[in-house]
Protein backbone atom coordinates (compact mmCIF):
# COMPACT_ATOMS: atom_id res chain seq x y z
CA MET A 1 0.00 0.00 0.00
CA ARG A 2 1.23 3.49 -0.86
CA GLU A 3 2.25 5.86 1.91
CA PRO A 4 0.19 9.05 2.08
CA LEU A 5 1.84 12.38 1.38
CA PRO A 6 3.46 13.81 4.51
CA GLY A 7 1.63 16.66 6.20
CA ASP A 8 -1.71 18.11 5.24
CA LEU A 9 -3.12 17.82 1.73
CA ALA A 10 -3.60 21.60 1.62
CA ILE A 11 0.16 22.21 1.76
CA TRP A 12 0.60 20.03 -1.32
CA PHE A 13 -1.91 22.11 -3.29
CA PHE A 14 -0.02 25.22 -2.17
CA ILE A 15 3.35 23.68 -3.11
CA ALA A 16 2.01 22.65 -6.53
CA ALA A 17 0.79 26.21 -7.15
CA GLU A 18 4.13 27.69 -6.08
CA LEU A 19 6.07 25.26 -8.27
CA ALA A 20 3.85 26.20 -11.21
CA VAL A 21 4.50 29.92 -10.69
CA PHE A 22 8.25 29.41 -10.40
CA GLY A 23 8.15 27.05 -13.38
CA VAL A 24 6.63 29.80 -15.53
CA LEU A 25 9.24 32.28 -14.27
CA PHE A 26 12.09 29.84 -14.95
CA ALA A 27 10.76 29.16 -18.46
CA ALA A 28 10.43 32.90 -19.17
CA TYR A 29 14.00 33.40 -17.94
CA ALA A 30 15.23 30.62 -20.25
CA PHE A 31 13.43 32.10 -23.28
CA ALA A 32 14.71 35.60 -22.52
CA ARG A 33 18.22 34.28 -22.07
CA ARG A 34 18.04 32.49 -25.39
CA ALA A 35 17.00 35.76 -27.07
CA GLU A 36 19.76 37.82 -25.37
CA PRO A 37 22.67 35.44 -24.63
CA GLY A 38 25.33 38.17 -24.51
CA LEU A 39 23.36 40.31 -22.08
CA PHE A 40 22.66 37.36 -19.78
CA ALA A 41 26.29 36.16 -19.89
CA ALA A 42 27.48 39.66 -18.96
CA GLY A 43 24.94 39.87 -16.14
CA GLN A 44 25.88 36.46 -14.77
CA ALA A 45 29.55 37.41 -14.82
CA GLN A 46 28.76 40.19 -12.32
CA LEU A 47 27.10 37.86 -9.79
CA PRO A 48 28.97 36.82 -6.63
CA LEU A 49 29.23 33.06 -7.11
CA GLY A 50 30.85 32.56 -3.69
CA ILE A 51 27.87 34.04 -1.85
CA ALA A 52 25.44 32.02 -3.96
CA LEU A 53 27.40 28.83 -3.25
CA ALA A 54 27.44 29.57 0.49
CA ASN A 55 23.67 30.16 0.33
CA THR A 56 23.23 26.83 -1.46
CA LEU A 57 25.18 25.03 1.24
CA ALA A 58 23.17 26.80 3.96
CA LEU A 59 19.85 25.74 2.44
CA LEU A 60 20.96 22.17 1.73
CA THR A 61 22.18 21.82 5.31
CA SER A 62 18.97 23.35 6.64
CA SER A 63 16.95 20.80 4.68
CA PHE A 64 19.00 18.07 6.34
CA ALA A 65 18.14 19.59 9.73
CA VAL A 66 14.45 19.72 8.81
CA ALA A 67 14.56 16.06 7.73
CA ARG A 68 16.11 15.20 11.09
CA ALA A 69 13.35 17.18 12.83
CA VAL A 70 10.72 15.04 11.08
CA GLU A 71 12.64 11.89 11.98
CA SER A 72 12.80 13.04 15.60
CA VAL A 73 9.09 13.78 15.95
CA ARG A 74 8.20 10.45 14.33
CA ALA A 75 10.32 8.85 17.09
CA ASP A 76 8.29 10.82 19.66
CA ARG A 77 11.19 13.16 20.47
CA ALA A 78 9.49 16.54 20.16
CA ARG A 79 12.25 18.47 21.93
CA ALA A 80 14.86 17.05 19.57
CA CYS A 81 12.53 18.04 16.73
CA ALA A 82 12.47 21.60 18.08
CA ARG A 83 16.28 21.69 18.29
CA TRP A 84 16.66 20.49 14.69
CA LEU A 85 14.13 23.10 13.57
CA GLY A 86 16.15 25.69 15.49
CA ALA A 87 19.25 24.61 13.56
CA ALA A 88 17.32 24.94 10.28
CA LEU A 89 16.19 28.41 11.33
CA ALA A 90 19.76 29.45 12.13
CA LEU A 91 20.88 28.26 8.70
CA GLY A 92 17.93 30.07 7.12
CA LEU A 93 18.99 33.21 8.95
CA GLY A 94 22.48 32.74 7.50
CA PHE A 95 20.93 32.54 4.04
CA VAL A 96 18.96 35.74 4.69
CA ALA A 97 22.03 37.60 5.96
CA LEU A 98 24.13 36.56 2.96
CA LYS A 99 21.32 37.40 0.56
CA LEU A 100 21.01 40.88 2.08
CA VAL A 101 24.77 41.35 1.61
CA GLU A 102 24.35 40.25 -2.01
CA PHE A 103 21.39 42.59 -2.59
CA ASP A 104 23.39 45.48 -1.12
CA ARG A 105 26.32 44.59 -3.37
CA ASP A 106 23.98 44.38 -6.37
CA ALA A 107 22.57 47.84 -5.66
CA ALA A 108 26.11 49.24 -5.37
CA HIS A 109 26.88 47.73 -8.80
CA GLY A 110 23.84 49.38 -10.35
CA PHE A 111 21.50 46.38 -10.58
CA SER A 112 17.87 47.46 -10.90
CA LEU A 113 14.61 46.11 -12.25
CA SER A 114 14.67 48.69 -15.05
CA ARG A 115 18.35 48.53 -16.10
CA ASN A 116 18.01 45.53 -18.43
CA LEU A 117 16.25 42.22 -18.97
CA PHE A 118 18.82 40.17 -17.05
CA ASP A 119 18.59 42.40 -13.97
CA MET A 120 14.81 42.28 -14.08
CA PHE A 121 14.75 38.47 -14.10
CA TYR A 122 17.62 38.06 -11.64
CA LEU A 123 16.13 40.46 -9.09
CA SER A 124 12.56 39.23 -9.56
CA LEU A 125 13.52 35.59 -9.13
CA THR A 126 15.87 36.09 -6.20
CA VAL A 127 13.61 38.52 -4.31
CA PHE A 128 10.58 36.28 -4.87
CA HIS A 129 12.56 33.30 -3.56
CA PHE A 130 13.86 35.41 -0.65
CA MET A 131 10.26 36.13 0.38
CA HIS A 132 9.57 32.39 0.34
CA VAL A 133 12.56 31.80 2.60
CA LEU A 134 11.24 34.39 5.06
CA MET A 135 7.79 32.78 5.01
CA GLY A 136 9.35 29.35 5.49
CA MET A 137 11.34 30.60 8.46
CA LEU A 138 8.18 32.00 10.01
CA ILE A 139 6.44 28.65 9.57
CA LEU A 140 9.43 26.72 10.96
CA GLY A 141 9.59 29.10 13.91
CA PHE A 142 5.95 28.53 14.87
CA VAL A 143 6.33 24.78 14.47
CA ALA A 144 9.56 24.77 16.53
CA ILE A 145 7.83 26.62 19.37
CA LYS A 146 4.90 24.20 19.31
CA ALA A 147 7.31 21.23 19.23
CA ALA A 148 9.30 22.62 22.18
CA ARG A 149 6.04 22.89 24.13
CA GLY A 150 5.21 19.24 23.41
CA GLY A 151 2.55 20.03 20.82
CA TYR A 152 3.58 17.19 18.50
CA SER A 153 3.99 13.47 18.99
CA ALA A 154 4.73 10.35 16.98
CA ARG A 155 1.00 10.04 16.28
CA ALA A 156 0.22 13.71 15.64
CA HIS A 157 2.85 15.60 13.68
CA ALA A 158 1.25 16.69 10.40
CA GLY A 159 2.27 20.29 11.13
CA VAL A 160 5.94 19.33 11.27
CA GLU A 161 5.66 17.38 8.02
CA SER A 162 3.78 20.23 6.32
CA ALA A 163 6.41 22.77 7.39
CA ALA A 164 9.18 20.41 6.27
CA SER A 165 7.54 19.89 2.88
CA TYR A 166 7.29 23.64 2.35
CA TRP A 167 10.93 24.14 3.41
CA HIS A 168 12.12 21.40 1.06
CA MET A 169 10.22 23.12 -1.77
CA VAL A 170 12.04 26.39 -0.97
CA ASP A 171 15.33 24.49 -1.06
CA LEU A 172 14.47 22.78 -4.35
CA LEU A 173 13.54 26.12 -5.92
CA TRP A 174 16.86 27.61 -4.82
CA ILE A 175 18.80 24.72 -6.36
CA VAL A 176 17.08 25.29 -9.71
CA LEU A 177 17.50 29.07 -9.39
CA PHE A 178 21.17 28.69 -8.45
CA ALA A 179 21.87 26.46 -11.44
CA LEU A 180 19.85 28.53 -13.89
CA VAL A 181 20.92 32.03 -12.85
CA TYR A 182 24.40 31.57 -11.39
CA LEU A 183 25.91 28.52 -13.12
CA LEU A 184 24.50 27.78 -16.57
CA HIS A 185 26.11 29.78 -19.36
């Protein structure tokens, strides 16, 4: 028999909608890049690959922590779940801090939504993703507090699984964004 999806069904409808929106944005980016390869190559050359790589490692590690949180709550260790979620939040905060440094750097280098097509896509995609990270951190924070207070157990932990599913979606979107915007030439 097939295992049900983790978490609440509603989160999966939300995740599907978010993936569809990002999918359209990624496709539009790819078409625009194909039409203006020189512009996009020049724009990519200005991006700080080191910061983007550090952000990738932060999100990948935070997803590991979230997976451990789910594993912990399934083993009826709600406090350990809360600690793992705290670790994921700390890594998310690291992502946010580095992204703010990158946005500040971008502004200093003249990046703007109206400068050119590359800037418009780069800033739109990264700011939109950034907002998803912030929302994910808010969700993880509420779930961590509830877990620390004993609000989840091995039998009742759909909230943890829903939060984890959302966070993994945010991570997946970043991996695609990182490859598409920072790496592929």
